Amino acid sequence: MAYPPTVHSTLAKLARAEIAGVNAHTLPIALDRAERDGVTFEQLDERQLTIALLQRISYPESMQELSLFLNVGHTLNPTTLVAREITAQHAVGYMTWLAGFLNDPEANIQKNARILLRWLVGNHQQAIAADQSSLDALRRIADDPANSWKNAAFIAYSLGVCGTVDDYDRVIRLAEIVIEHDREHAEMVADALYRLHPPALINALQYFLEHAPANSKQFIAGIHLLAKVAEIEDQQFWNTYYKDMDQIVARLADLVGHNPTVERILDLIEKHLALAEDEE
């Protein structure tokens, strides 16, 4: 639909107005609702149009509206998401719908879907975890060989933080993809395994580091995962898994020899282990 100039000027002014919940992502939803309500844009001045849009603006209430929310010309900024307005009920619905956008032909829709997915998991973990069916579509994508590697870290994070131990194999497969193609997001995989089941993180490290040939993709994945584990500040983790981590460090030191990068990781882990040993 071709809109009159007043629509474009009003949208531009509202996008710059710094009103909570009013932004380039929610404005298309308000415009679509006004159009479906039969609002005659040509008969409204900017003030009247502003009122009409603000009366209808909110976060998506359907998959079609979520498509409008994601399909804008720039990257979604998490700071524009208002936690008190995106309810737990919204989050559960969005988790189901977002799966349909992660492999969308439009790259920016994909990117915005991933950003929103991570935000939802971080802000509504309990509600999502309480409704495991909301994750089923993500599980199907994780099992699909055609799934883009760009989604791997975000799906692993979602299943690790909100899923069940039954998702362990999926998260491990996704972890391998992340380390091979998307190391920038390796911390999401480490957090996913840690939150899913701490022993799962230890098992993954043992698999990657002790059962894979040195310098193989799996072994290198283990090194990157270990680097993220070294950043865990929870002392209870180091107290509980002191023996396992000590064995991994000893095994790795024998395998890699002199490697400055690995040595820095091992030094950090040994500091954690020294504190854990002191508390025993």
Protein backbone atom coordinates (compact mmCIF):
# COMPACT_ATOMS: atom_id res chain seq x y z
CA MET A 1 0.00 0.00 0.00
CA ALA A 2 1.22 3.48 -0.90
CA TYR A 3 0.95 5.77 2.12
CA PRO A 4 0.54 9.58 2.02
CA PRO A 5 3.56 11.71 3.03
CA THR A 6 2.09 12.40 6.47
CA VAL A 7 2.42 8.69 7.34
CA HIS A 8 6.13 8.63 6.54
CA SER A 9 6.87 11.86 8.38
CA THR A 10 4.88 10.76 11.43
CA LEU A 11 6.62 7.38 11.57
CA ALA A 12 10.03 9.06 11.32
CA LYS A 13 9.23 11.47 14.16
CA LEU A 14 7.85 8.74 16.41
CA ALA A 15 10.92 6.57 15.79
CA ARG A 16 13.09 9.43 17.10
CA ALA A 17 10.82 10.33 20.02
CA GLU A 18 12.45 7.98 22.59
CA ILE A 19 9.12 6.75 23.94
CA ALA A 20 9.33 3.39 25.71
CA GLY A 21 8.05 0.63 23.46
CA VAL A 22 7.88 2.92 20.42
CA ASN A 23 10.59 2.16 17.89
CA ALA A 24 11.28 1.13 14.31
CA HIS A 25 10.19 -2.44 15.13
CA THR A 26 6.87 -1.77 16.85
CA LEU A 27 5.73 1.07 14.57
CA PRO A 28 5.09 -1.23 11.56
CA ILE A 29 2.81 -3.28 13.82
CA ALA A 30 0.81 -0.17 14.79
CA LEU A 31 0.58 0.88 11.15
CA ASP A 32 -0.62 -2.57 10.10
CA ARG A 33 -3.26 -2.60 12.85
CA ALA A 34 -4.48 0.85 11.84
CA GLU A 35 -4.75 -0.28 8.24
CA ARG A 36 -6.70 -3.40 9.24
CA ASP A 37 -8.99 -1.22 11.37
CA GLY A 38 -9.86 0.80 8.29
CA VAL A 39 -8.17 4.04 9.34
CA THR A 40 -8.26 6.54 6.44
CA PHE A 41 -4.72 7.92 6.53
CA GLU A 42 -5.38 10.58 3.88
CA GLN A 43 -7.90 12.33 6.15
CA LEU A 44 -5.58 12.59 9.17
CA ASP A 45 -2.99 15.22 9.99
CA GLU A 46 0.24 14.29 11.81
CA ARG A 47 -1.25 14.86 15.27
CA GLN A 48 -4.27 12.65 14.57
CA LEU A 49 -2.10 10.01 12.94
CA THR A 50 0.25 10.01 15.94
CA ILE A 51 -2.68 9.35 18.27
CA ALA A 52 -4.00 6.57 16.02
CA LEU A 53 -0.63 4.83 15.94
CA LEU A 54 0.12 5.19 19.65
CA GLN A 55 -3.30 3.75 20.50
CA ARG A 56 -2.40 0.60 18.55
CA ILE A 57 1.28 0.17 19.27
CA SER A 58 2.59 -2.78 21.26
CA TYR A 59 4.80 -5.82 20.82
CA PRO A 60 3.69 -8.60 18.42
CA GLU A 61 0.55 -10.59 19.20
CA SER A 62 0.78 -12.99 16.24
CA MET A 63 3.37 -14.60 14.00
CA GLN A 64 2.45 -12.19 11.22
CA GLU A 65 3.09 -9.24 13.52
CA LEU A 66 6.37 -10.79 14.65
CA SER A 67 7.38 -10.87 10.99
CA LEU A 68 6.75 -7.11 10.78
CA PHE A 69 8.71 -6.60 13.99
CA LEU A 70 11.77 -8.45 12.64
CA ASN A 71 11.62 -7.24 9.04
CA VAL A 72 13.11 -3.77 9.40
CA GLY A 73 16.17 -2.33 7.72
CA HIS A 74 18.50 -2.41 10.69
CA THR A 75 19.66 -4.69 13.49
CA LEU A 76 17.47 -5.12 16.56
CA ASN A 77 18.98 -3.41 19.59
CA PRO A 78 18.16 -5.34 22.78
CA THR A 79 17.92 -2.05 24.68
CA THR A 80 14.70 -1.29 22.75
CA LEU A 81 13.03 -4.36 24.27
CA VAL A 82 10.96 -3.48 27.34
CA ALA A 83 10.89 -6.42 29.75
CA ARG A 84 7.75 -5.29 31.55
CA GLU A 85 5.82 -5.18 28.26
CA ILE A 86 7.11 -8.45 26.79
CA THR A 87 5.42 -10.79 29.23
CA ALA A 88 6.13 -14.43 30.01
CA GLN A 89 3.12 -15.33 27.88
CA HIS A 90 4.59 -13.38 24.98
CA ALA A 91 7.92 -15.13 25.43
CA VAL A 92 6.46 -18.63 25.18
CA GLY A 93 4.61 -17.73 21.98
CA TYR A 94 7.59 -15.96 20.48
CA MET A 95 9.83 -18.98 21.08
CA THR A 96 7.52 -21.09 18.93
CA TRP A 97 7.16 -18.48 16.19
CA LEU A 98 10.84 -17.49 16.04
CA ALA A 99 11.84 -20.91 14.77
CA GLY A 100 10.09 -20.01 11.52
CA PHE A 101 12.35 -16.99 11.01
CA LEU A 102 15.80 -18.35 11.85
CA ASN A 103 16.36 -19.59 8.30
CA ASP A 104 14.35 -16.88 6.54
CA PRO A 105 15.65 -15.87 3.09
CA GLU A 106 16.02 -12.29 4.37
CA ALA A 107 19.33 -12.08 6.25
CA ASN A 108 18.24 -9.25 8.53
CA ILE A 109 15.15 -11.17 9.64
CA GLN A 110 17.42 -14.09 10.55
CA LYS A 111 19.76 -11.85 12.51
CA ASN A 112 16.99 -10.06 14.39
CA ALA A 113 15.33 -13.41 15.19
CA ARG A 114 18.55 -14.65 16.77
CA ILE A 115 18.95 -11.49 18.83
CA LEU A 116 15.37 -11.69 20.09
CA LEU A 117 15.78 -15.41 20.84
CA ARG A 118 18.77 -14.76 23.07
CA TRP A 119 17.00 -11.90 24.85
CA LEU A 120 13.92 -14.01 25.55
CA VAL A 121 15.98 -16.84 27.04
CA GLY A 122 17.90 -14.38 29.21
CA ASN A 123 14.78 -12.59 30.47
CA HIS A 124 12.07 -15.28 30.59
CA GLN A 125 13.95 -18.52 31.26
CA GLN A 126 11.53 -19.85 33.85
CA ALA A 127 8.41 -19.38 31.73
CA ILE A 128 10.02 -20.97 28.68
CA ALA A 129 11.44 -23.89 30.66
CA ALA A 130 7.99 -24.49 32.18
CA ASP A 131 6.53 -24.98 28.69
CA GLN A 132 8.87 -27.42 26.96
CA SER A 133 6.61 -27.60 23.91
CA SER A 134 7.68 -24.02 23.08
CA LEU A 135 11.14 -25.41 22.32
CA ASP A 136 10.01 -28.24 20.03
CA ALA A 137 10.34 -26.19 16.84
CA LEU A 138 13.92 -25.24 17.83
CA ARG A 139 14.66 -28.92 18.43
CA ARG A 140 13.44 -29.76 14.92
CA ILE A 141 15.68 -27.06 13.45
CA ALA A 142 18.64 -28.34 15.48
CA ASP A 143 18.08 -31.81 13.99
CA ASP A 144 17.82 -30.48 10.43
CA PRO A 145 21.12 -30.75 8.50
CA ALA A 146 20.06 -27.75 6.41
CA ASN A 147 20.02 -25.46 9.45
CA SER A 148 22.39 -22.49 9.09
CA TRP A 149 25.53 -22.57 11.24
CA LYS A 150 24.70 -19.01 12.24
CA ASN A 151 21.83 -20.35 14.36
CA ALA A 152 23.84 -23.02 16.17
CA ALA A 153 25.03 -20.99 19.19
CA PHE A 154 21.62 -19.41 19.74
CA ILE A 155 19.71 -22.69 19.57
CA ALA A 156 22.30 -24.40 21.78
CA TYR A 157 21.96 -21.57 24.30
CA SER A 158 18.16 -21.78 24.25
CA LEU A 159 18.08 -25.55 24.71
CA GLY A 160 20.85 -25.50 27.29
CA VAL A 161 19.31 -22.80 29.46
CA CYS A 162 15.62 -23.71 29.03
CA GLY A 163 15.62 -27.33 27.87
CA THR A 164 16.19 -30.67 29.59
CA VAL A 165 19.03 -33.16 29.87
CA ASP A 166 17.48 -34.93 26.87
CA ASP A 167 18.77 -32.02 24.77
CA TYR A 168 22.39 -32.82 25.67
CA ASP A 169 23.25 -34.57 22.38
CA ARG A 170 21.77 -31.71 20.38
CA VAL A 171 23.73 -29.12 22.32
CA ILE A 172 26.96 -31.09 21.82
CA ARG A 173 26.37 -31.31 18.05
CA LEU A 174 25.64 -27.62 17.91
CA ALA A 175 28.75 -26.91 19.99
CA GLU A 176 30.93 -28.56 17.36
CA ILE A 177 29.34 -26.39 14.67
CA VAL A 178 29.84 -23.23 16.72
CA ILE A 179 33.51 -23.89 17.38
CA GLU A 180 34.15 -24.67 13.72
CA HIS A 181 32.23 -21.74 12.21
CA ASP A 182 31.26 -19.21 14.90
CA ARG A 183 33.85 -19.04 17.70
CA GLU A 184 32.71 -15.51 18.47
CA HIS A 185 29.73 -17.08 20.26
CA ALA A 186 31.55 -19.95 22.00
CA GLU A 187 30.67 -18.50 25.40
CA MET A 188 27.00 -19.21 24.68
CA VAL A 189 27.77 -22.93 24.25
CA ALA A 190 29.78 -23.07 27.47
CA ASP A 191 26.94 -21.34 29.33
CA ALA A 192 24.40 -23.67 27.70
CA LEU A 193 26.19 -26.81 28.86
CA TYR A 194 26.86 -25.37 32.31
CA ARG A 195 23.22 -24.38 32.79
CA LEU A 196 21.84 -27.57 31.24
CA HIS A 197 23.76 -29.88 33.54
CA PRO A 198 27.24 -29.08 34.91
CA PRO A 199 28.46 -32.68 34.44
CA ALA A 200 27.50 -32.25 30.76
CA LEU A 201 30.09 -29.51 30.50
CA ILE A 202 32.73 -31.76 32.05
CA ASN A 203 31.73 -34.64 29.74
CA ALA A 204 31.97 -32.37 26.71
CA LEU A 205 35.45 -31.21 27.72
CA GLN A 206 36.58 -34.79 28.26
CA TYR A 207 35.19 -35.83 24.90
CA PHE A 208 36.76 -32.95 23.00
CA LEU A 209 40.13 -33.03 24.76
CA GLU A 210 40.75 -36.62 25.74
CA HIS A 211 39.11 -38.63 22.97
CA ALA A 212 39.84 -36.51 19.89
CA PRO A 213 43.16 -36.49 18.02
CA ALA A 214 45.36 -33.48 18.75
CA ASN A 215 44.77 -30.60 16.32
CA SER A 216 41.54 -32.15 15.04
CA LYS A 217 38.44 -29.95 14.80
CA GLN A 218 37.02 -31.62 17.90
CA PHE A 219 40.22 -31.08 19.85
CA ILE A 220 40.36 -27.40 18.87
CA ALA A 221 36.69 -27.12 19.84
CA GLY A 222 37.65 -28.43 23.25
CA ILE A 223 40.36 -25.79 23.65
CA HIS A 224 37.91 -22.98 22.88
CA LEU A 225 35.32 -24.47 25.19
CA LEU A 226 37.93 -24.83 27.92
CA ALA A 227 38.83 -21.16 27.54
CA LYS A 228 35.22 -20.25 28.33
CA VAL A 229 35.12 -22.67 31.25
CA ALA A 230 38.22 -20.96 32.67
CA GLU A 231 36.12 -17.80 32.97
CA ILE A 232 33.56 -19.44 35.31
CA GLU A 233 33.70 -17.57 38.62
CA ASP A 234 31.38 -19.86 40.57
CA GLN A 235 33.71 -21.35 43.17
CA GLN A 236 31.25 -24.14 43.91
CA PHE A 237 31.77 -25.40 40.36
CA TRP A 238 35.52 -25.70 40.96
CA ASN A 239 34.98 -27.29 44.36
CA THR A 240 32.63 -29.89 42.94
CA TYR A 241 34.59 -30.75 39.81
CA TYR A 242 38.09 -30.25 41.18
CA LYS A 243 39.25 -33.79 40.41
CA ASP A 244 37.79 -33.85 36.89
CA MET A 245 39.26 -30.48 35.96
CA ASP A 246 42.62 -31.38 37.48
CA GLN A 247 42.75 -34.50 35.31
CA ILE A 248 41.82 -32.52 32.20
CA VAL A 249 44.56 -29.97 32.91
CA ALA A 250 47.18 -32.70 33.44
CA ARG A 251 46.12 -34.52 30.27
CA LEU A 252 46.13 -31.36 28.19
CA ALA A 253 49.54 -30.24 29.48
CA ASP A 254 51.01 -33.56 28.30
CA LEU A 255 49.40 -33.32 24.88
CA VAL A 256 50.10 -29.77 23.76
CA GLY A 257 53.57 -29.15 25.13
CA HIS A 258 54.66 -25.51 24.83
CA ASN A 259 51.75 -23.46 23.54
CA PRO A 260 51.41 -19.92 24.95
CA THR A 261 47.64 -19.71 24.33
CA VAL A 262 46.88 -23.01 26.01
CA GLU A 263 49.31 -22.25 28.82
CA ARG A 264 47.40 -19.05 29.65
CA ILE A 265 44.15 -21.01 29.83
CA LEU A 266 45.72 -23.67 32.05
CA ASP A 267 47.25 -21.03 34.32
CA LEU A 268 43.83 -19.50 34.90
CA ILE A 269 42.25 -22.88 35.60
CA GLU A 270 45.03 -23.82 37.99
CA LYS A 271 44.35 -20.63 39.95
CA HIS A 272 40.71 -21.67 40.33
CA LEU A 273 41.80 -25.16 41.35
CA ALA A 274 44.28 -23.79 43.90
CA LEU A 275 41.47 -21.87 45.60
CA ALA A 276 39.24 -24.93 45.52
CA GLU A 277 42.01 -27.05 47.01
CA ASP A 278 42.49 -24.51 49.80
CA GLU A 279 38.81 -24.81 50.76
CA GLU A 280 38.86 -28.61 51.08
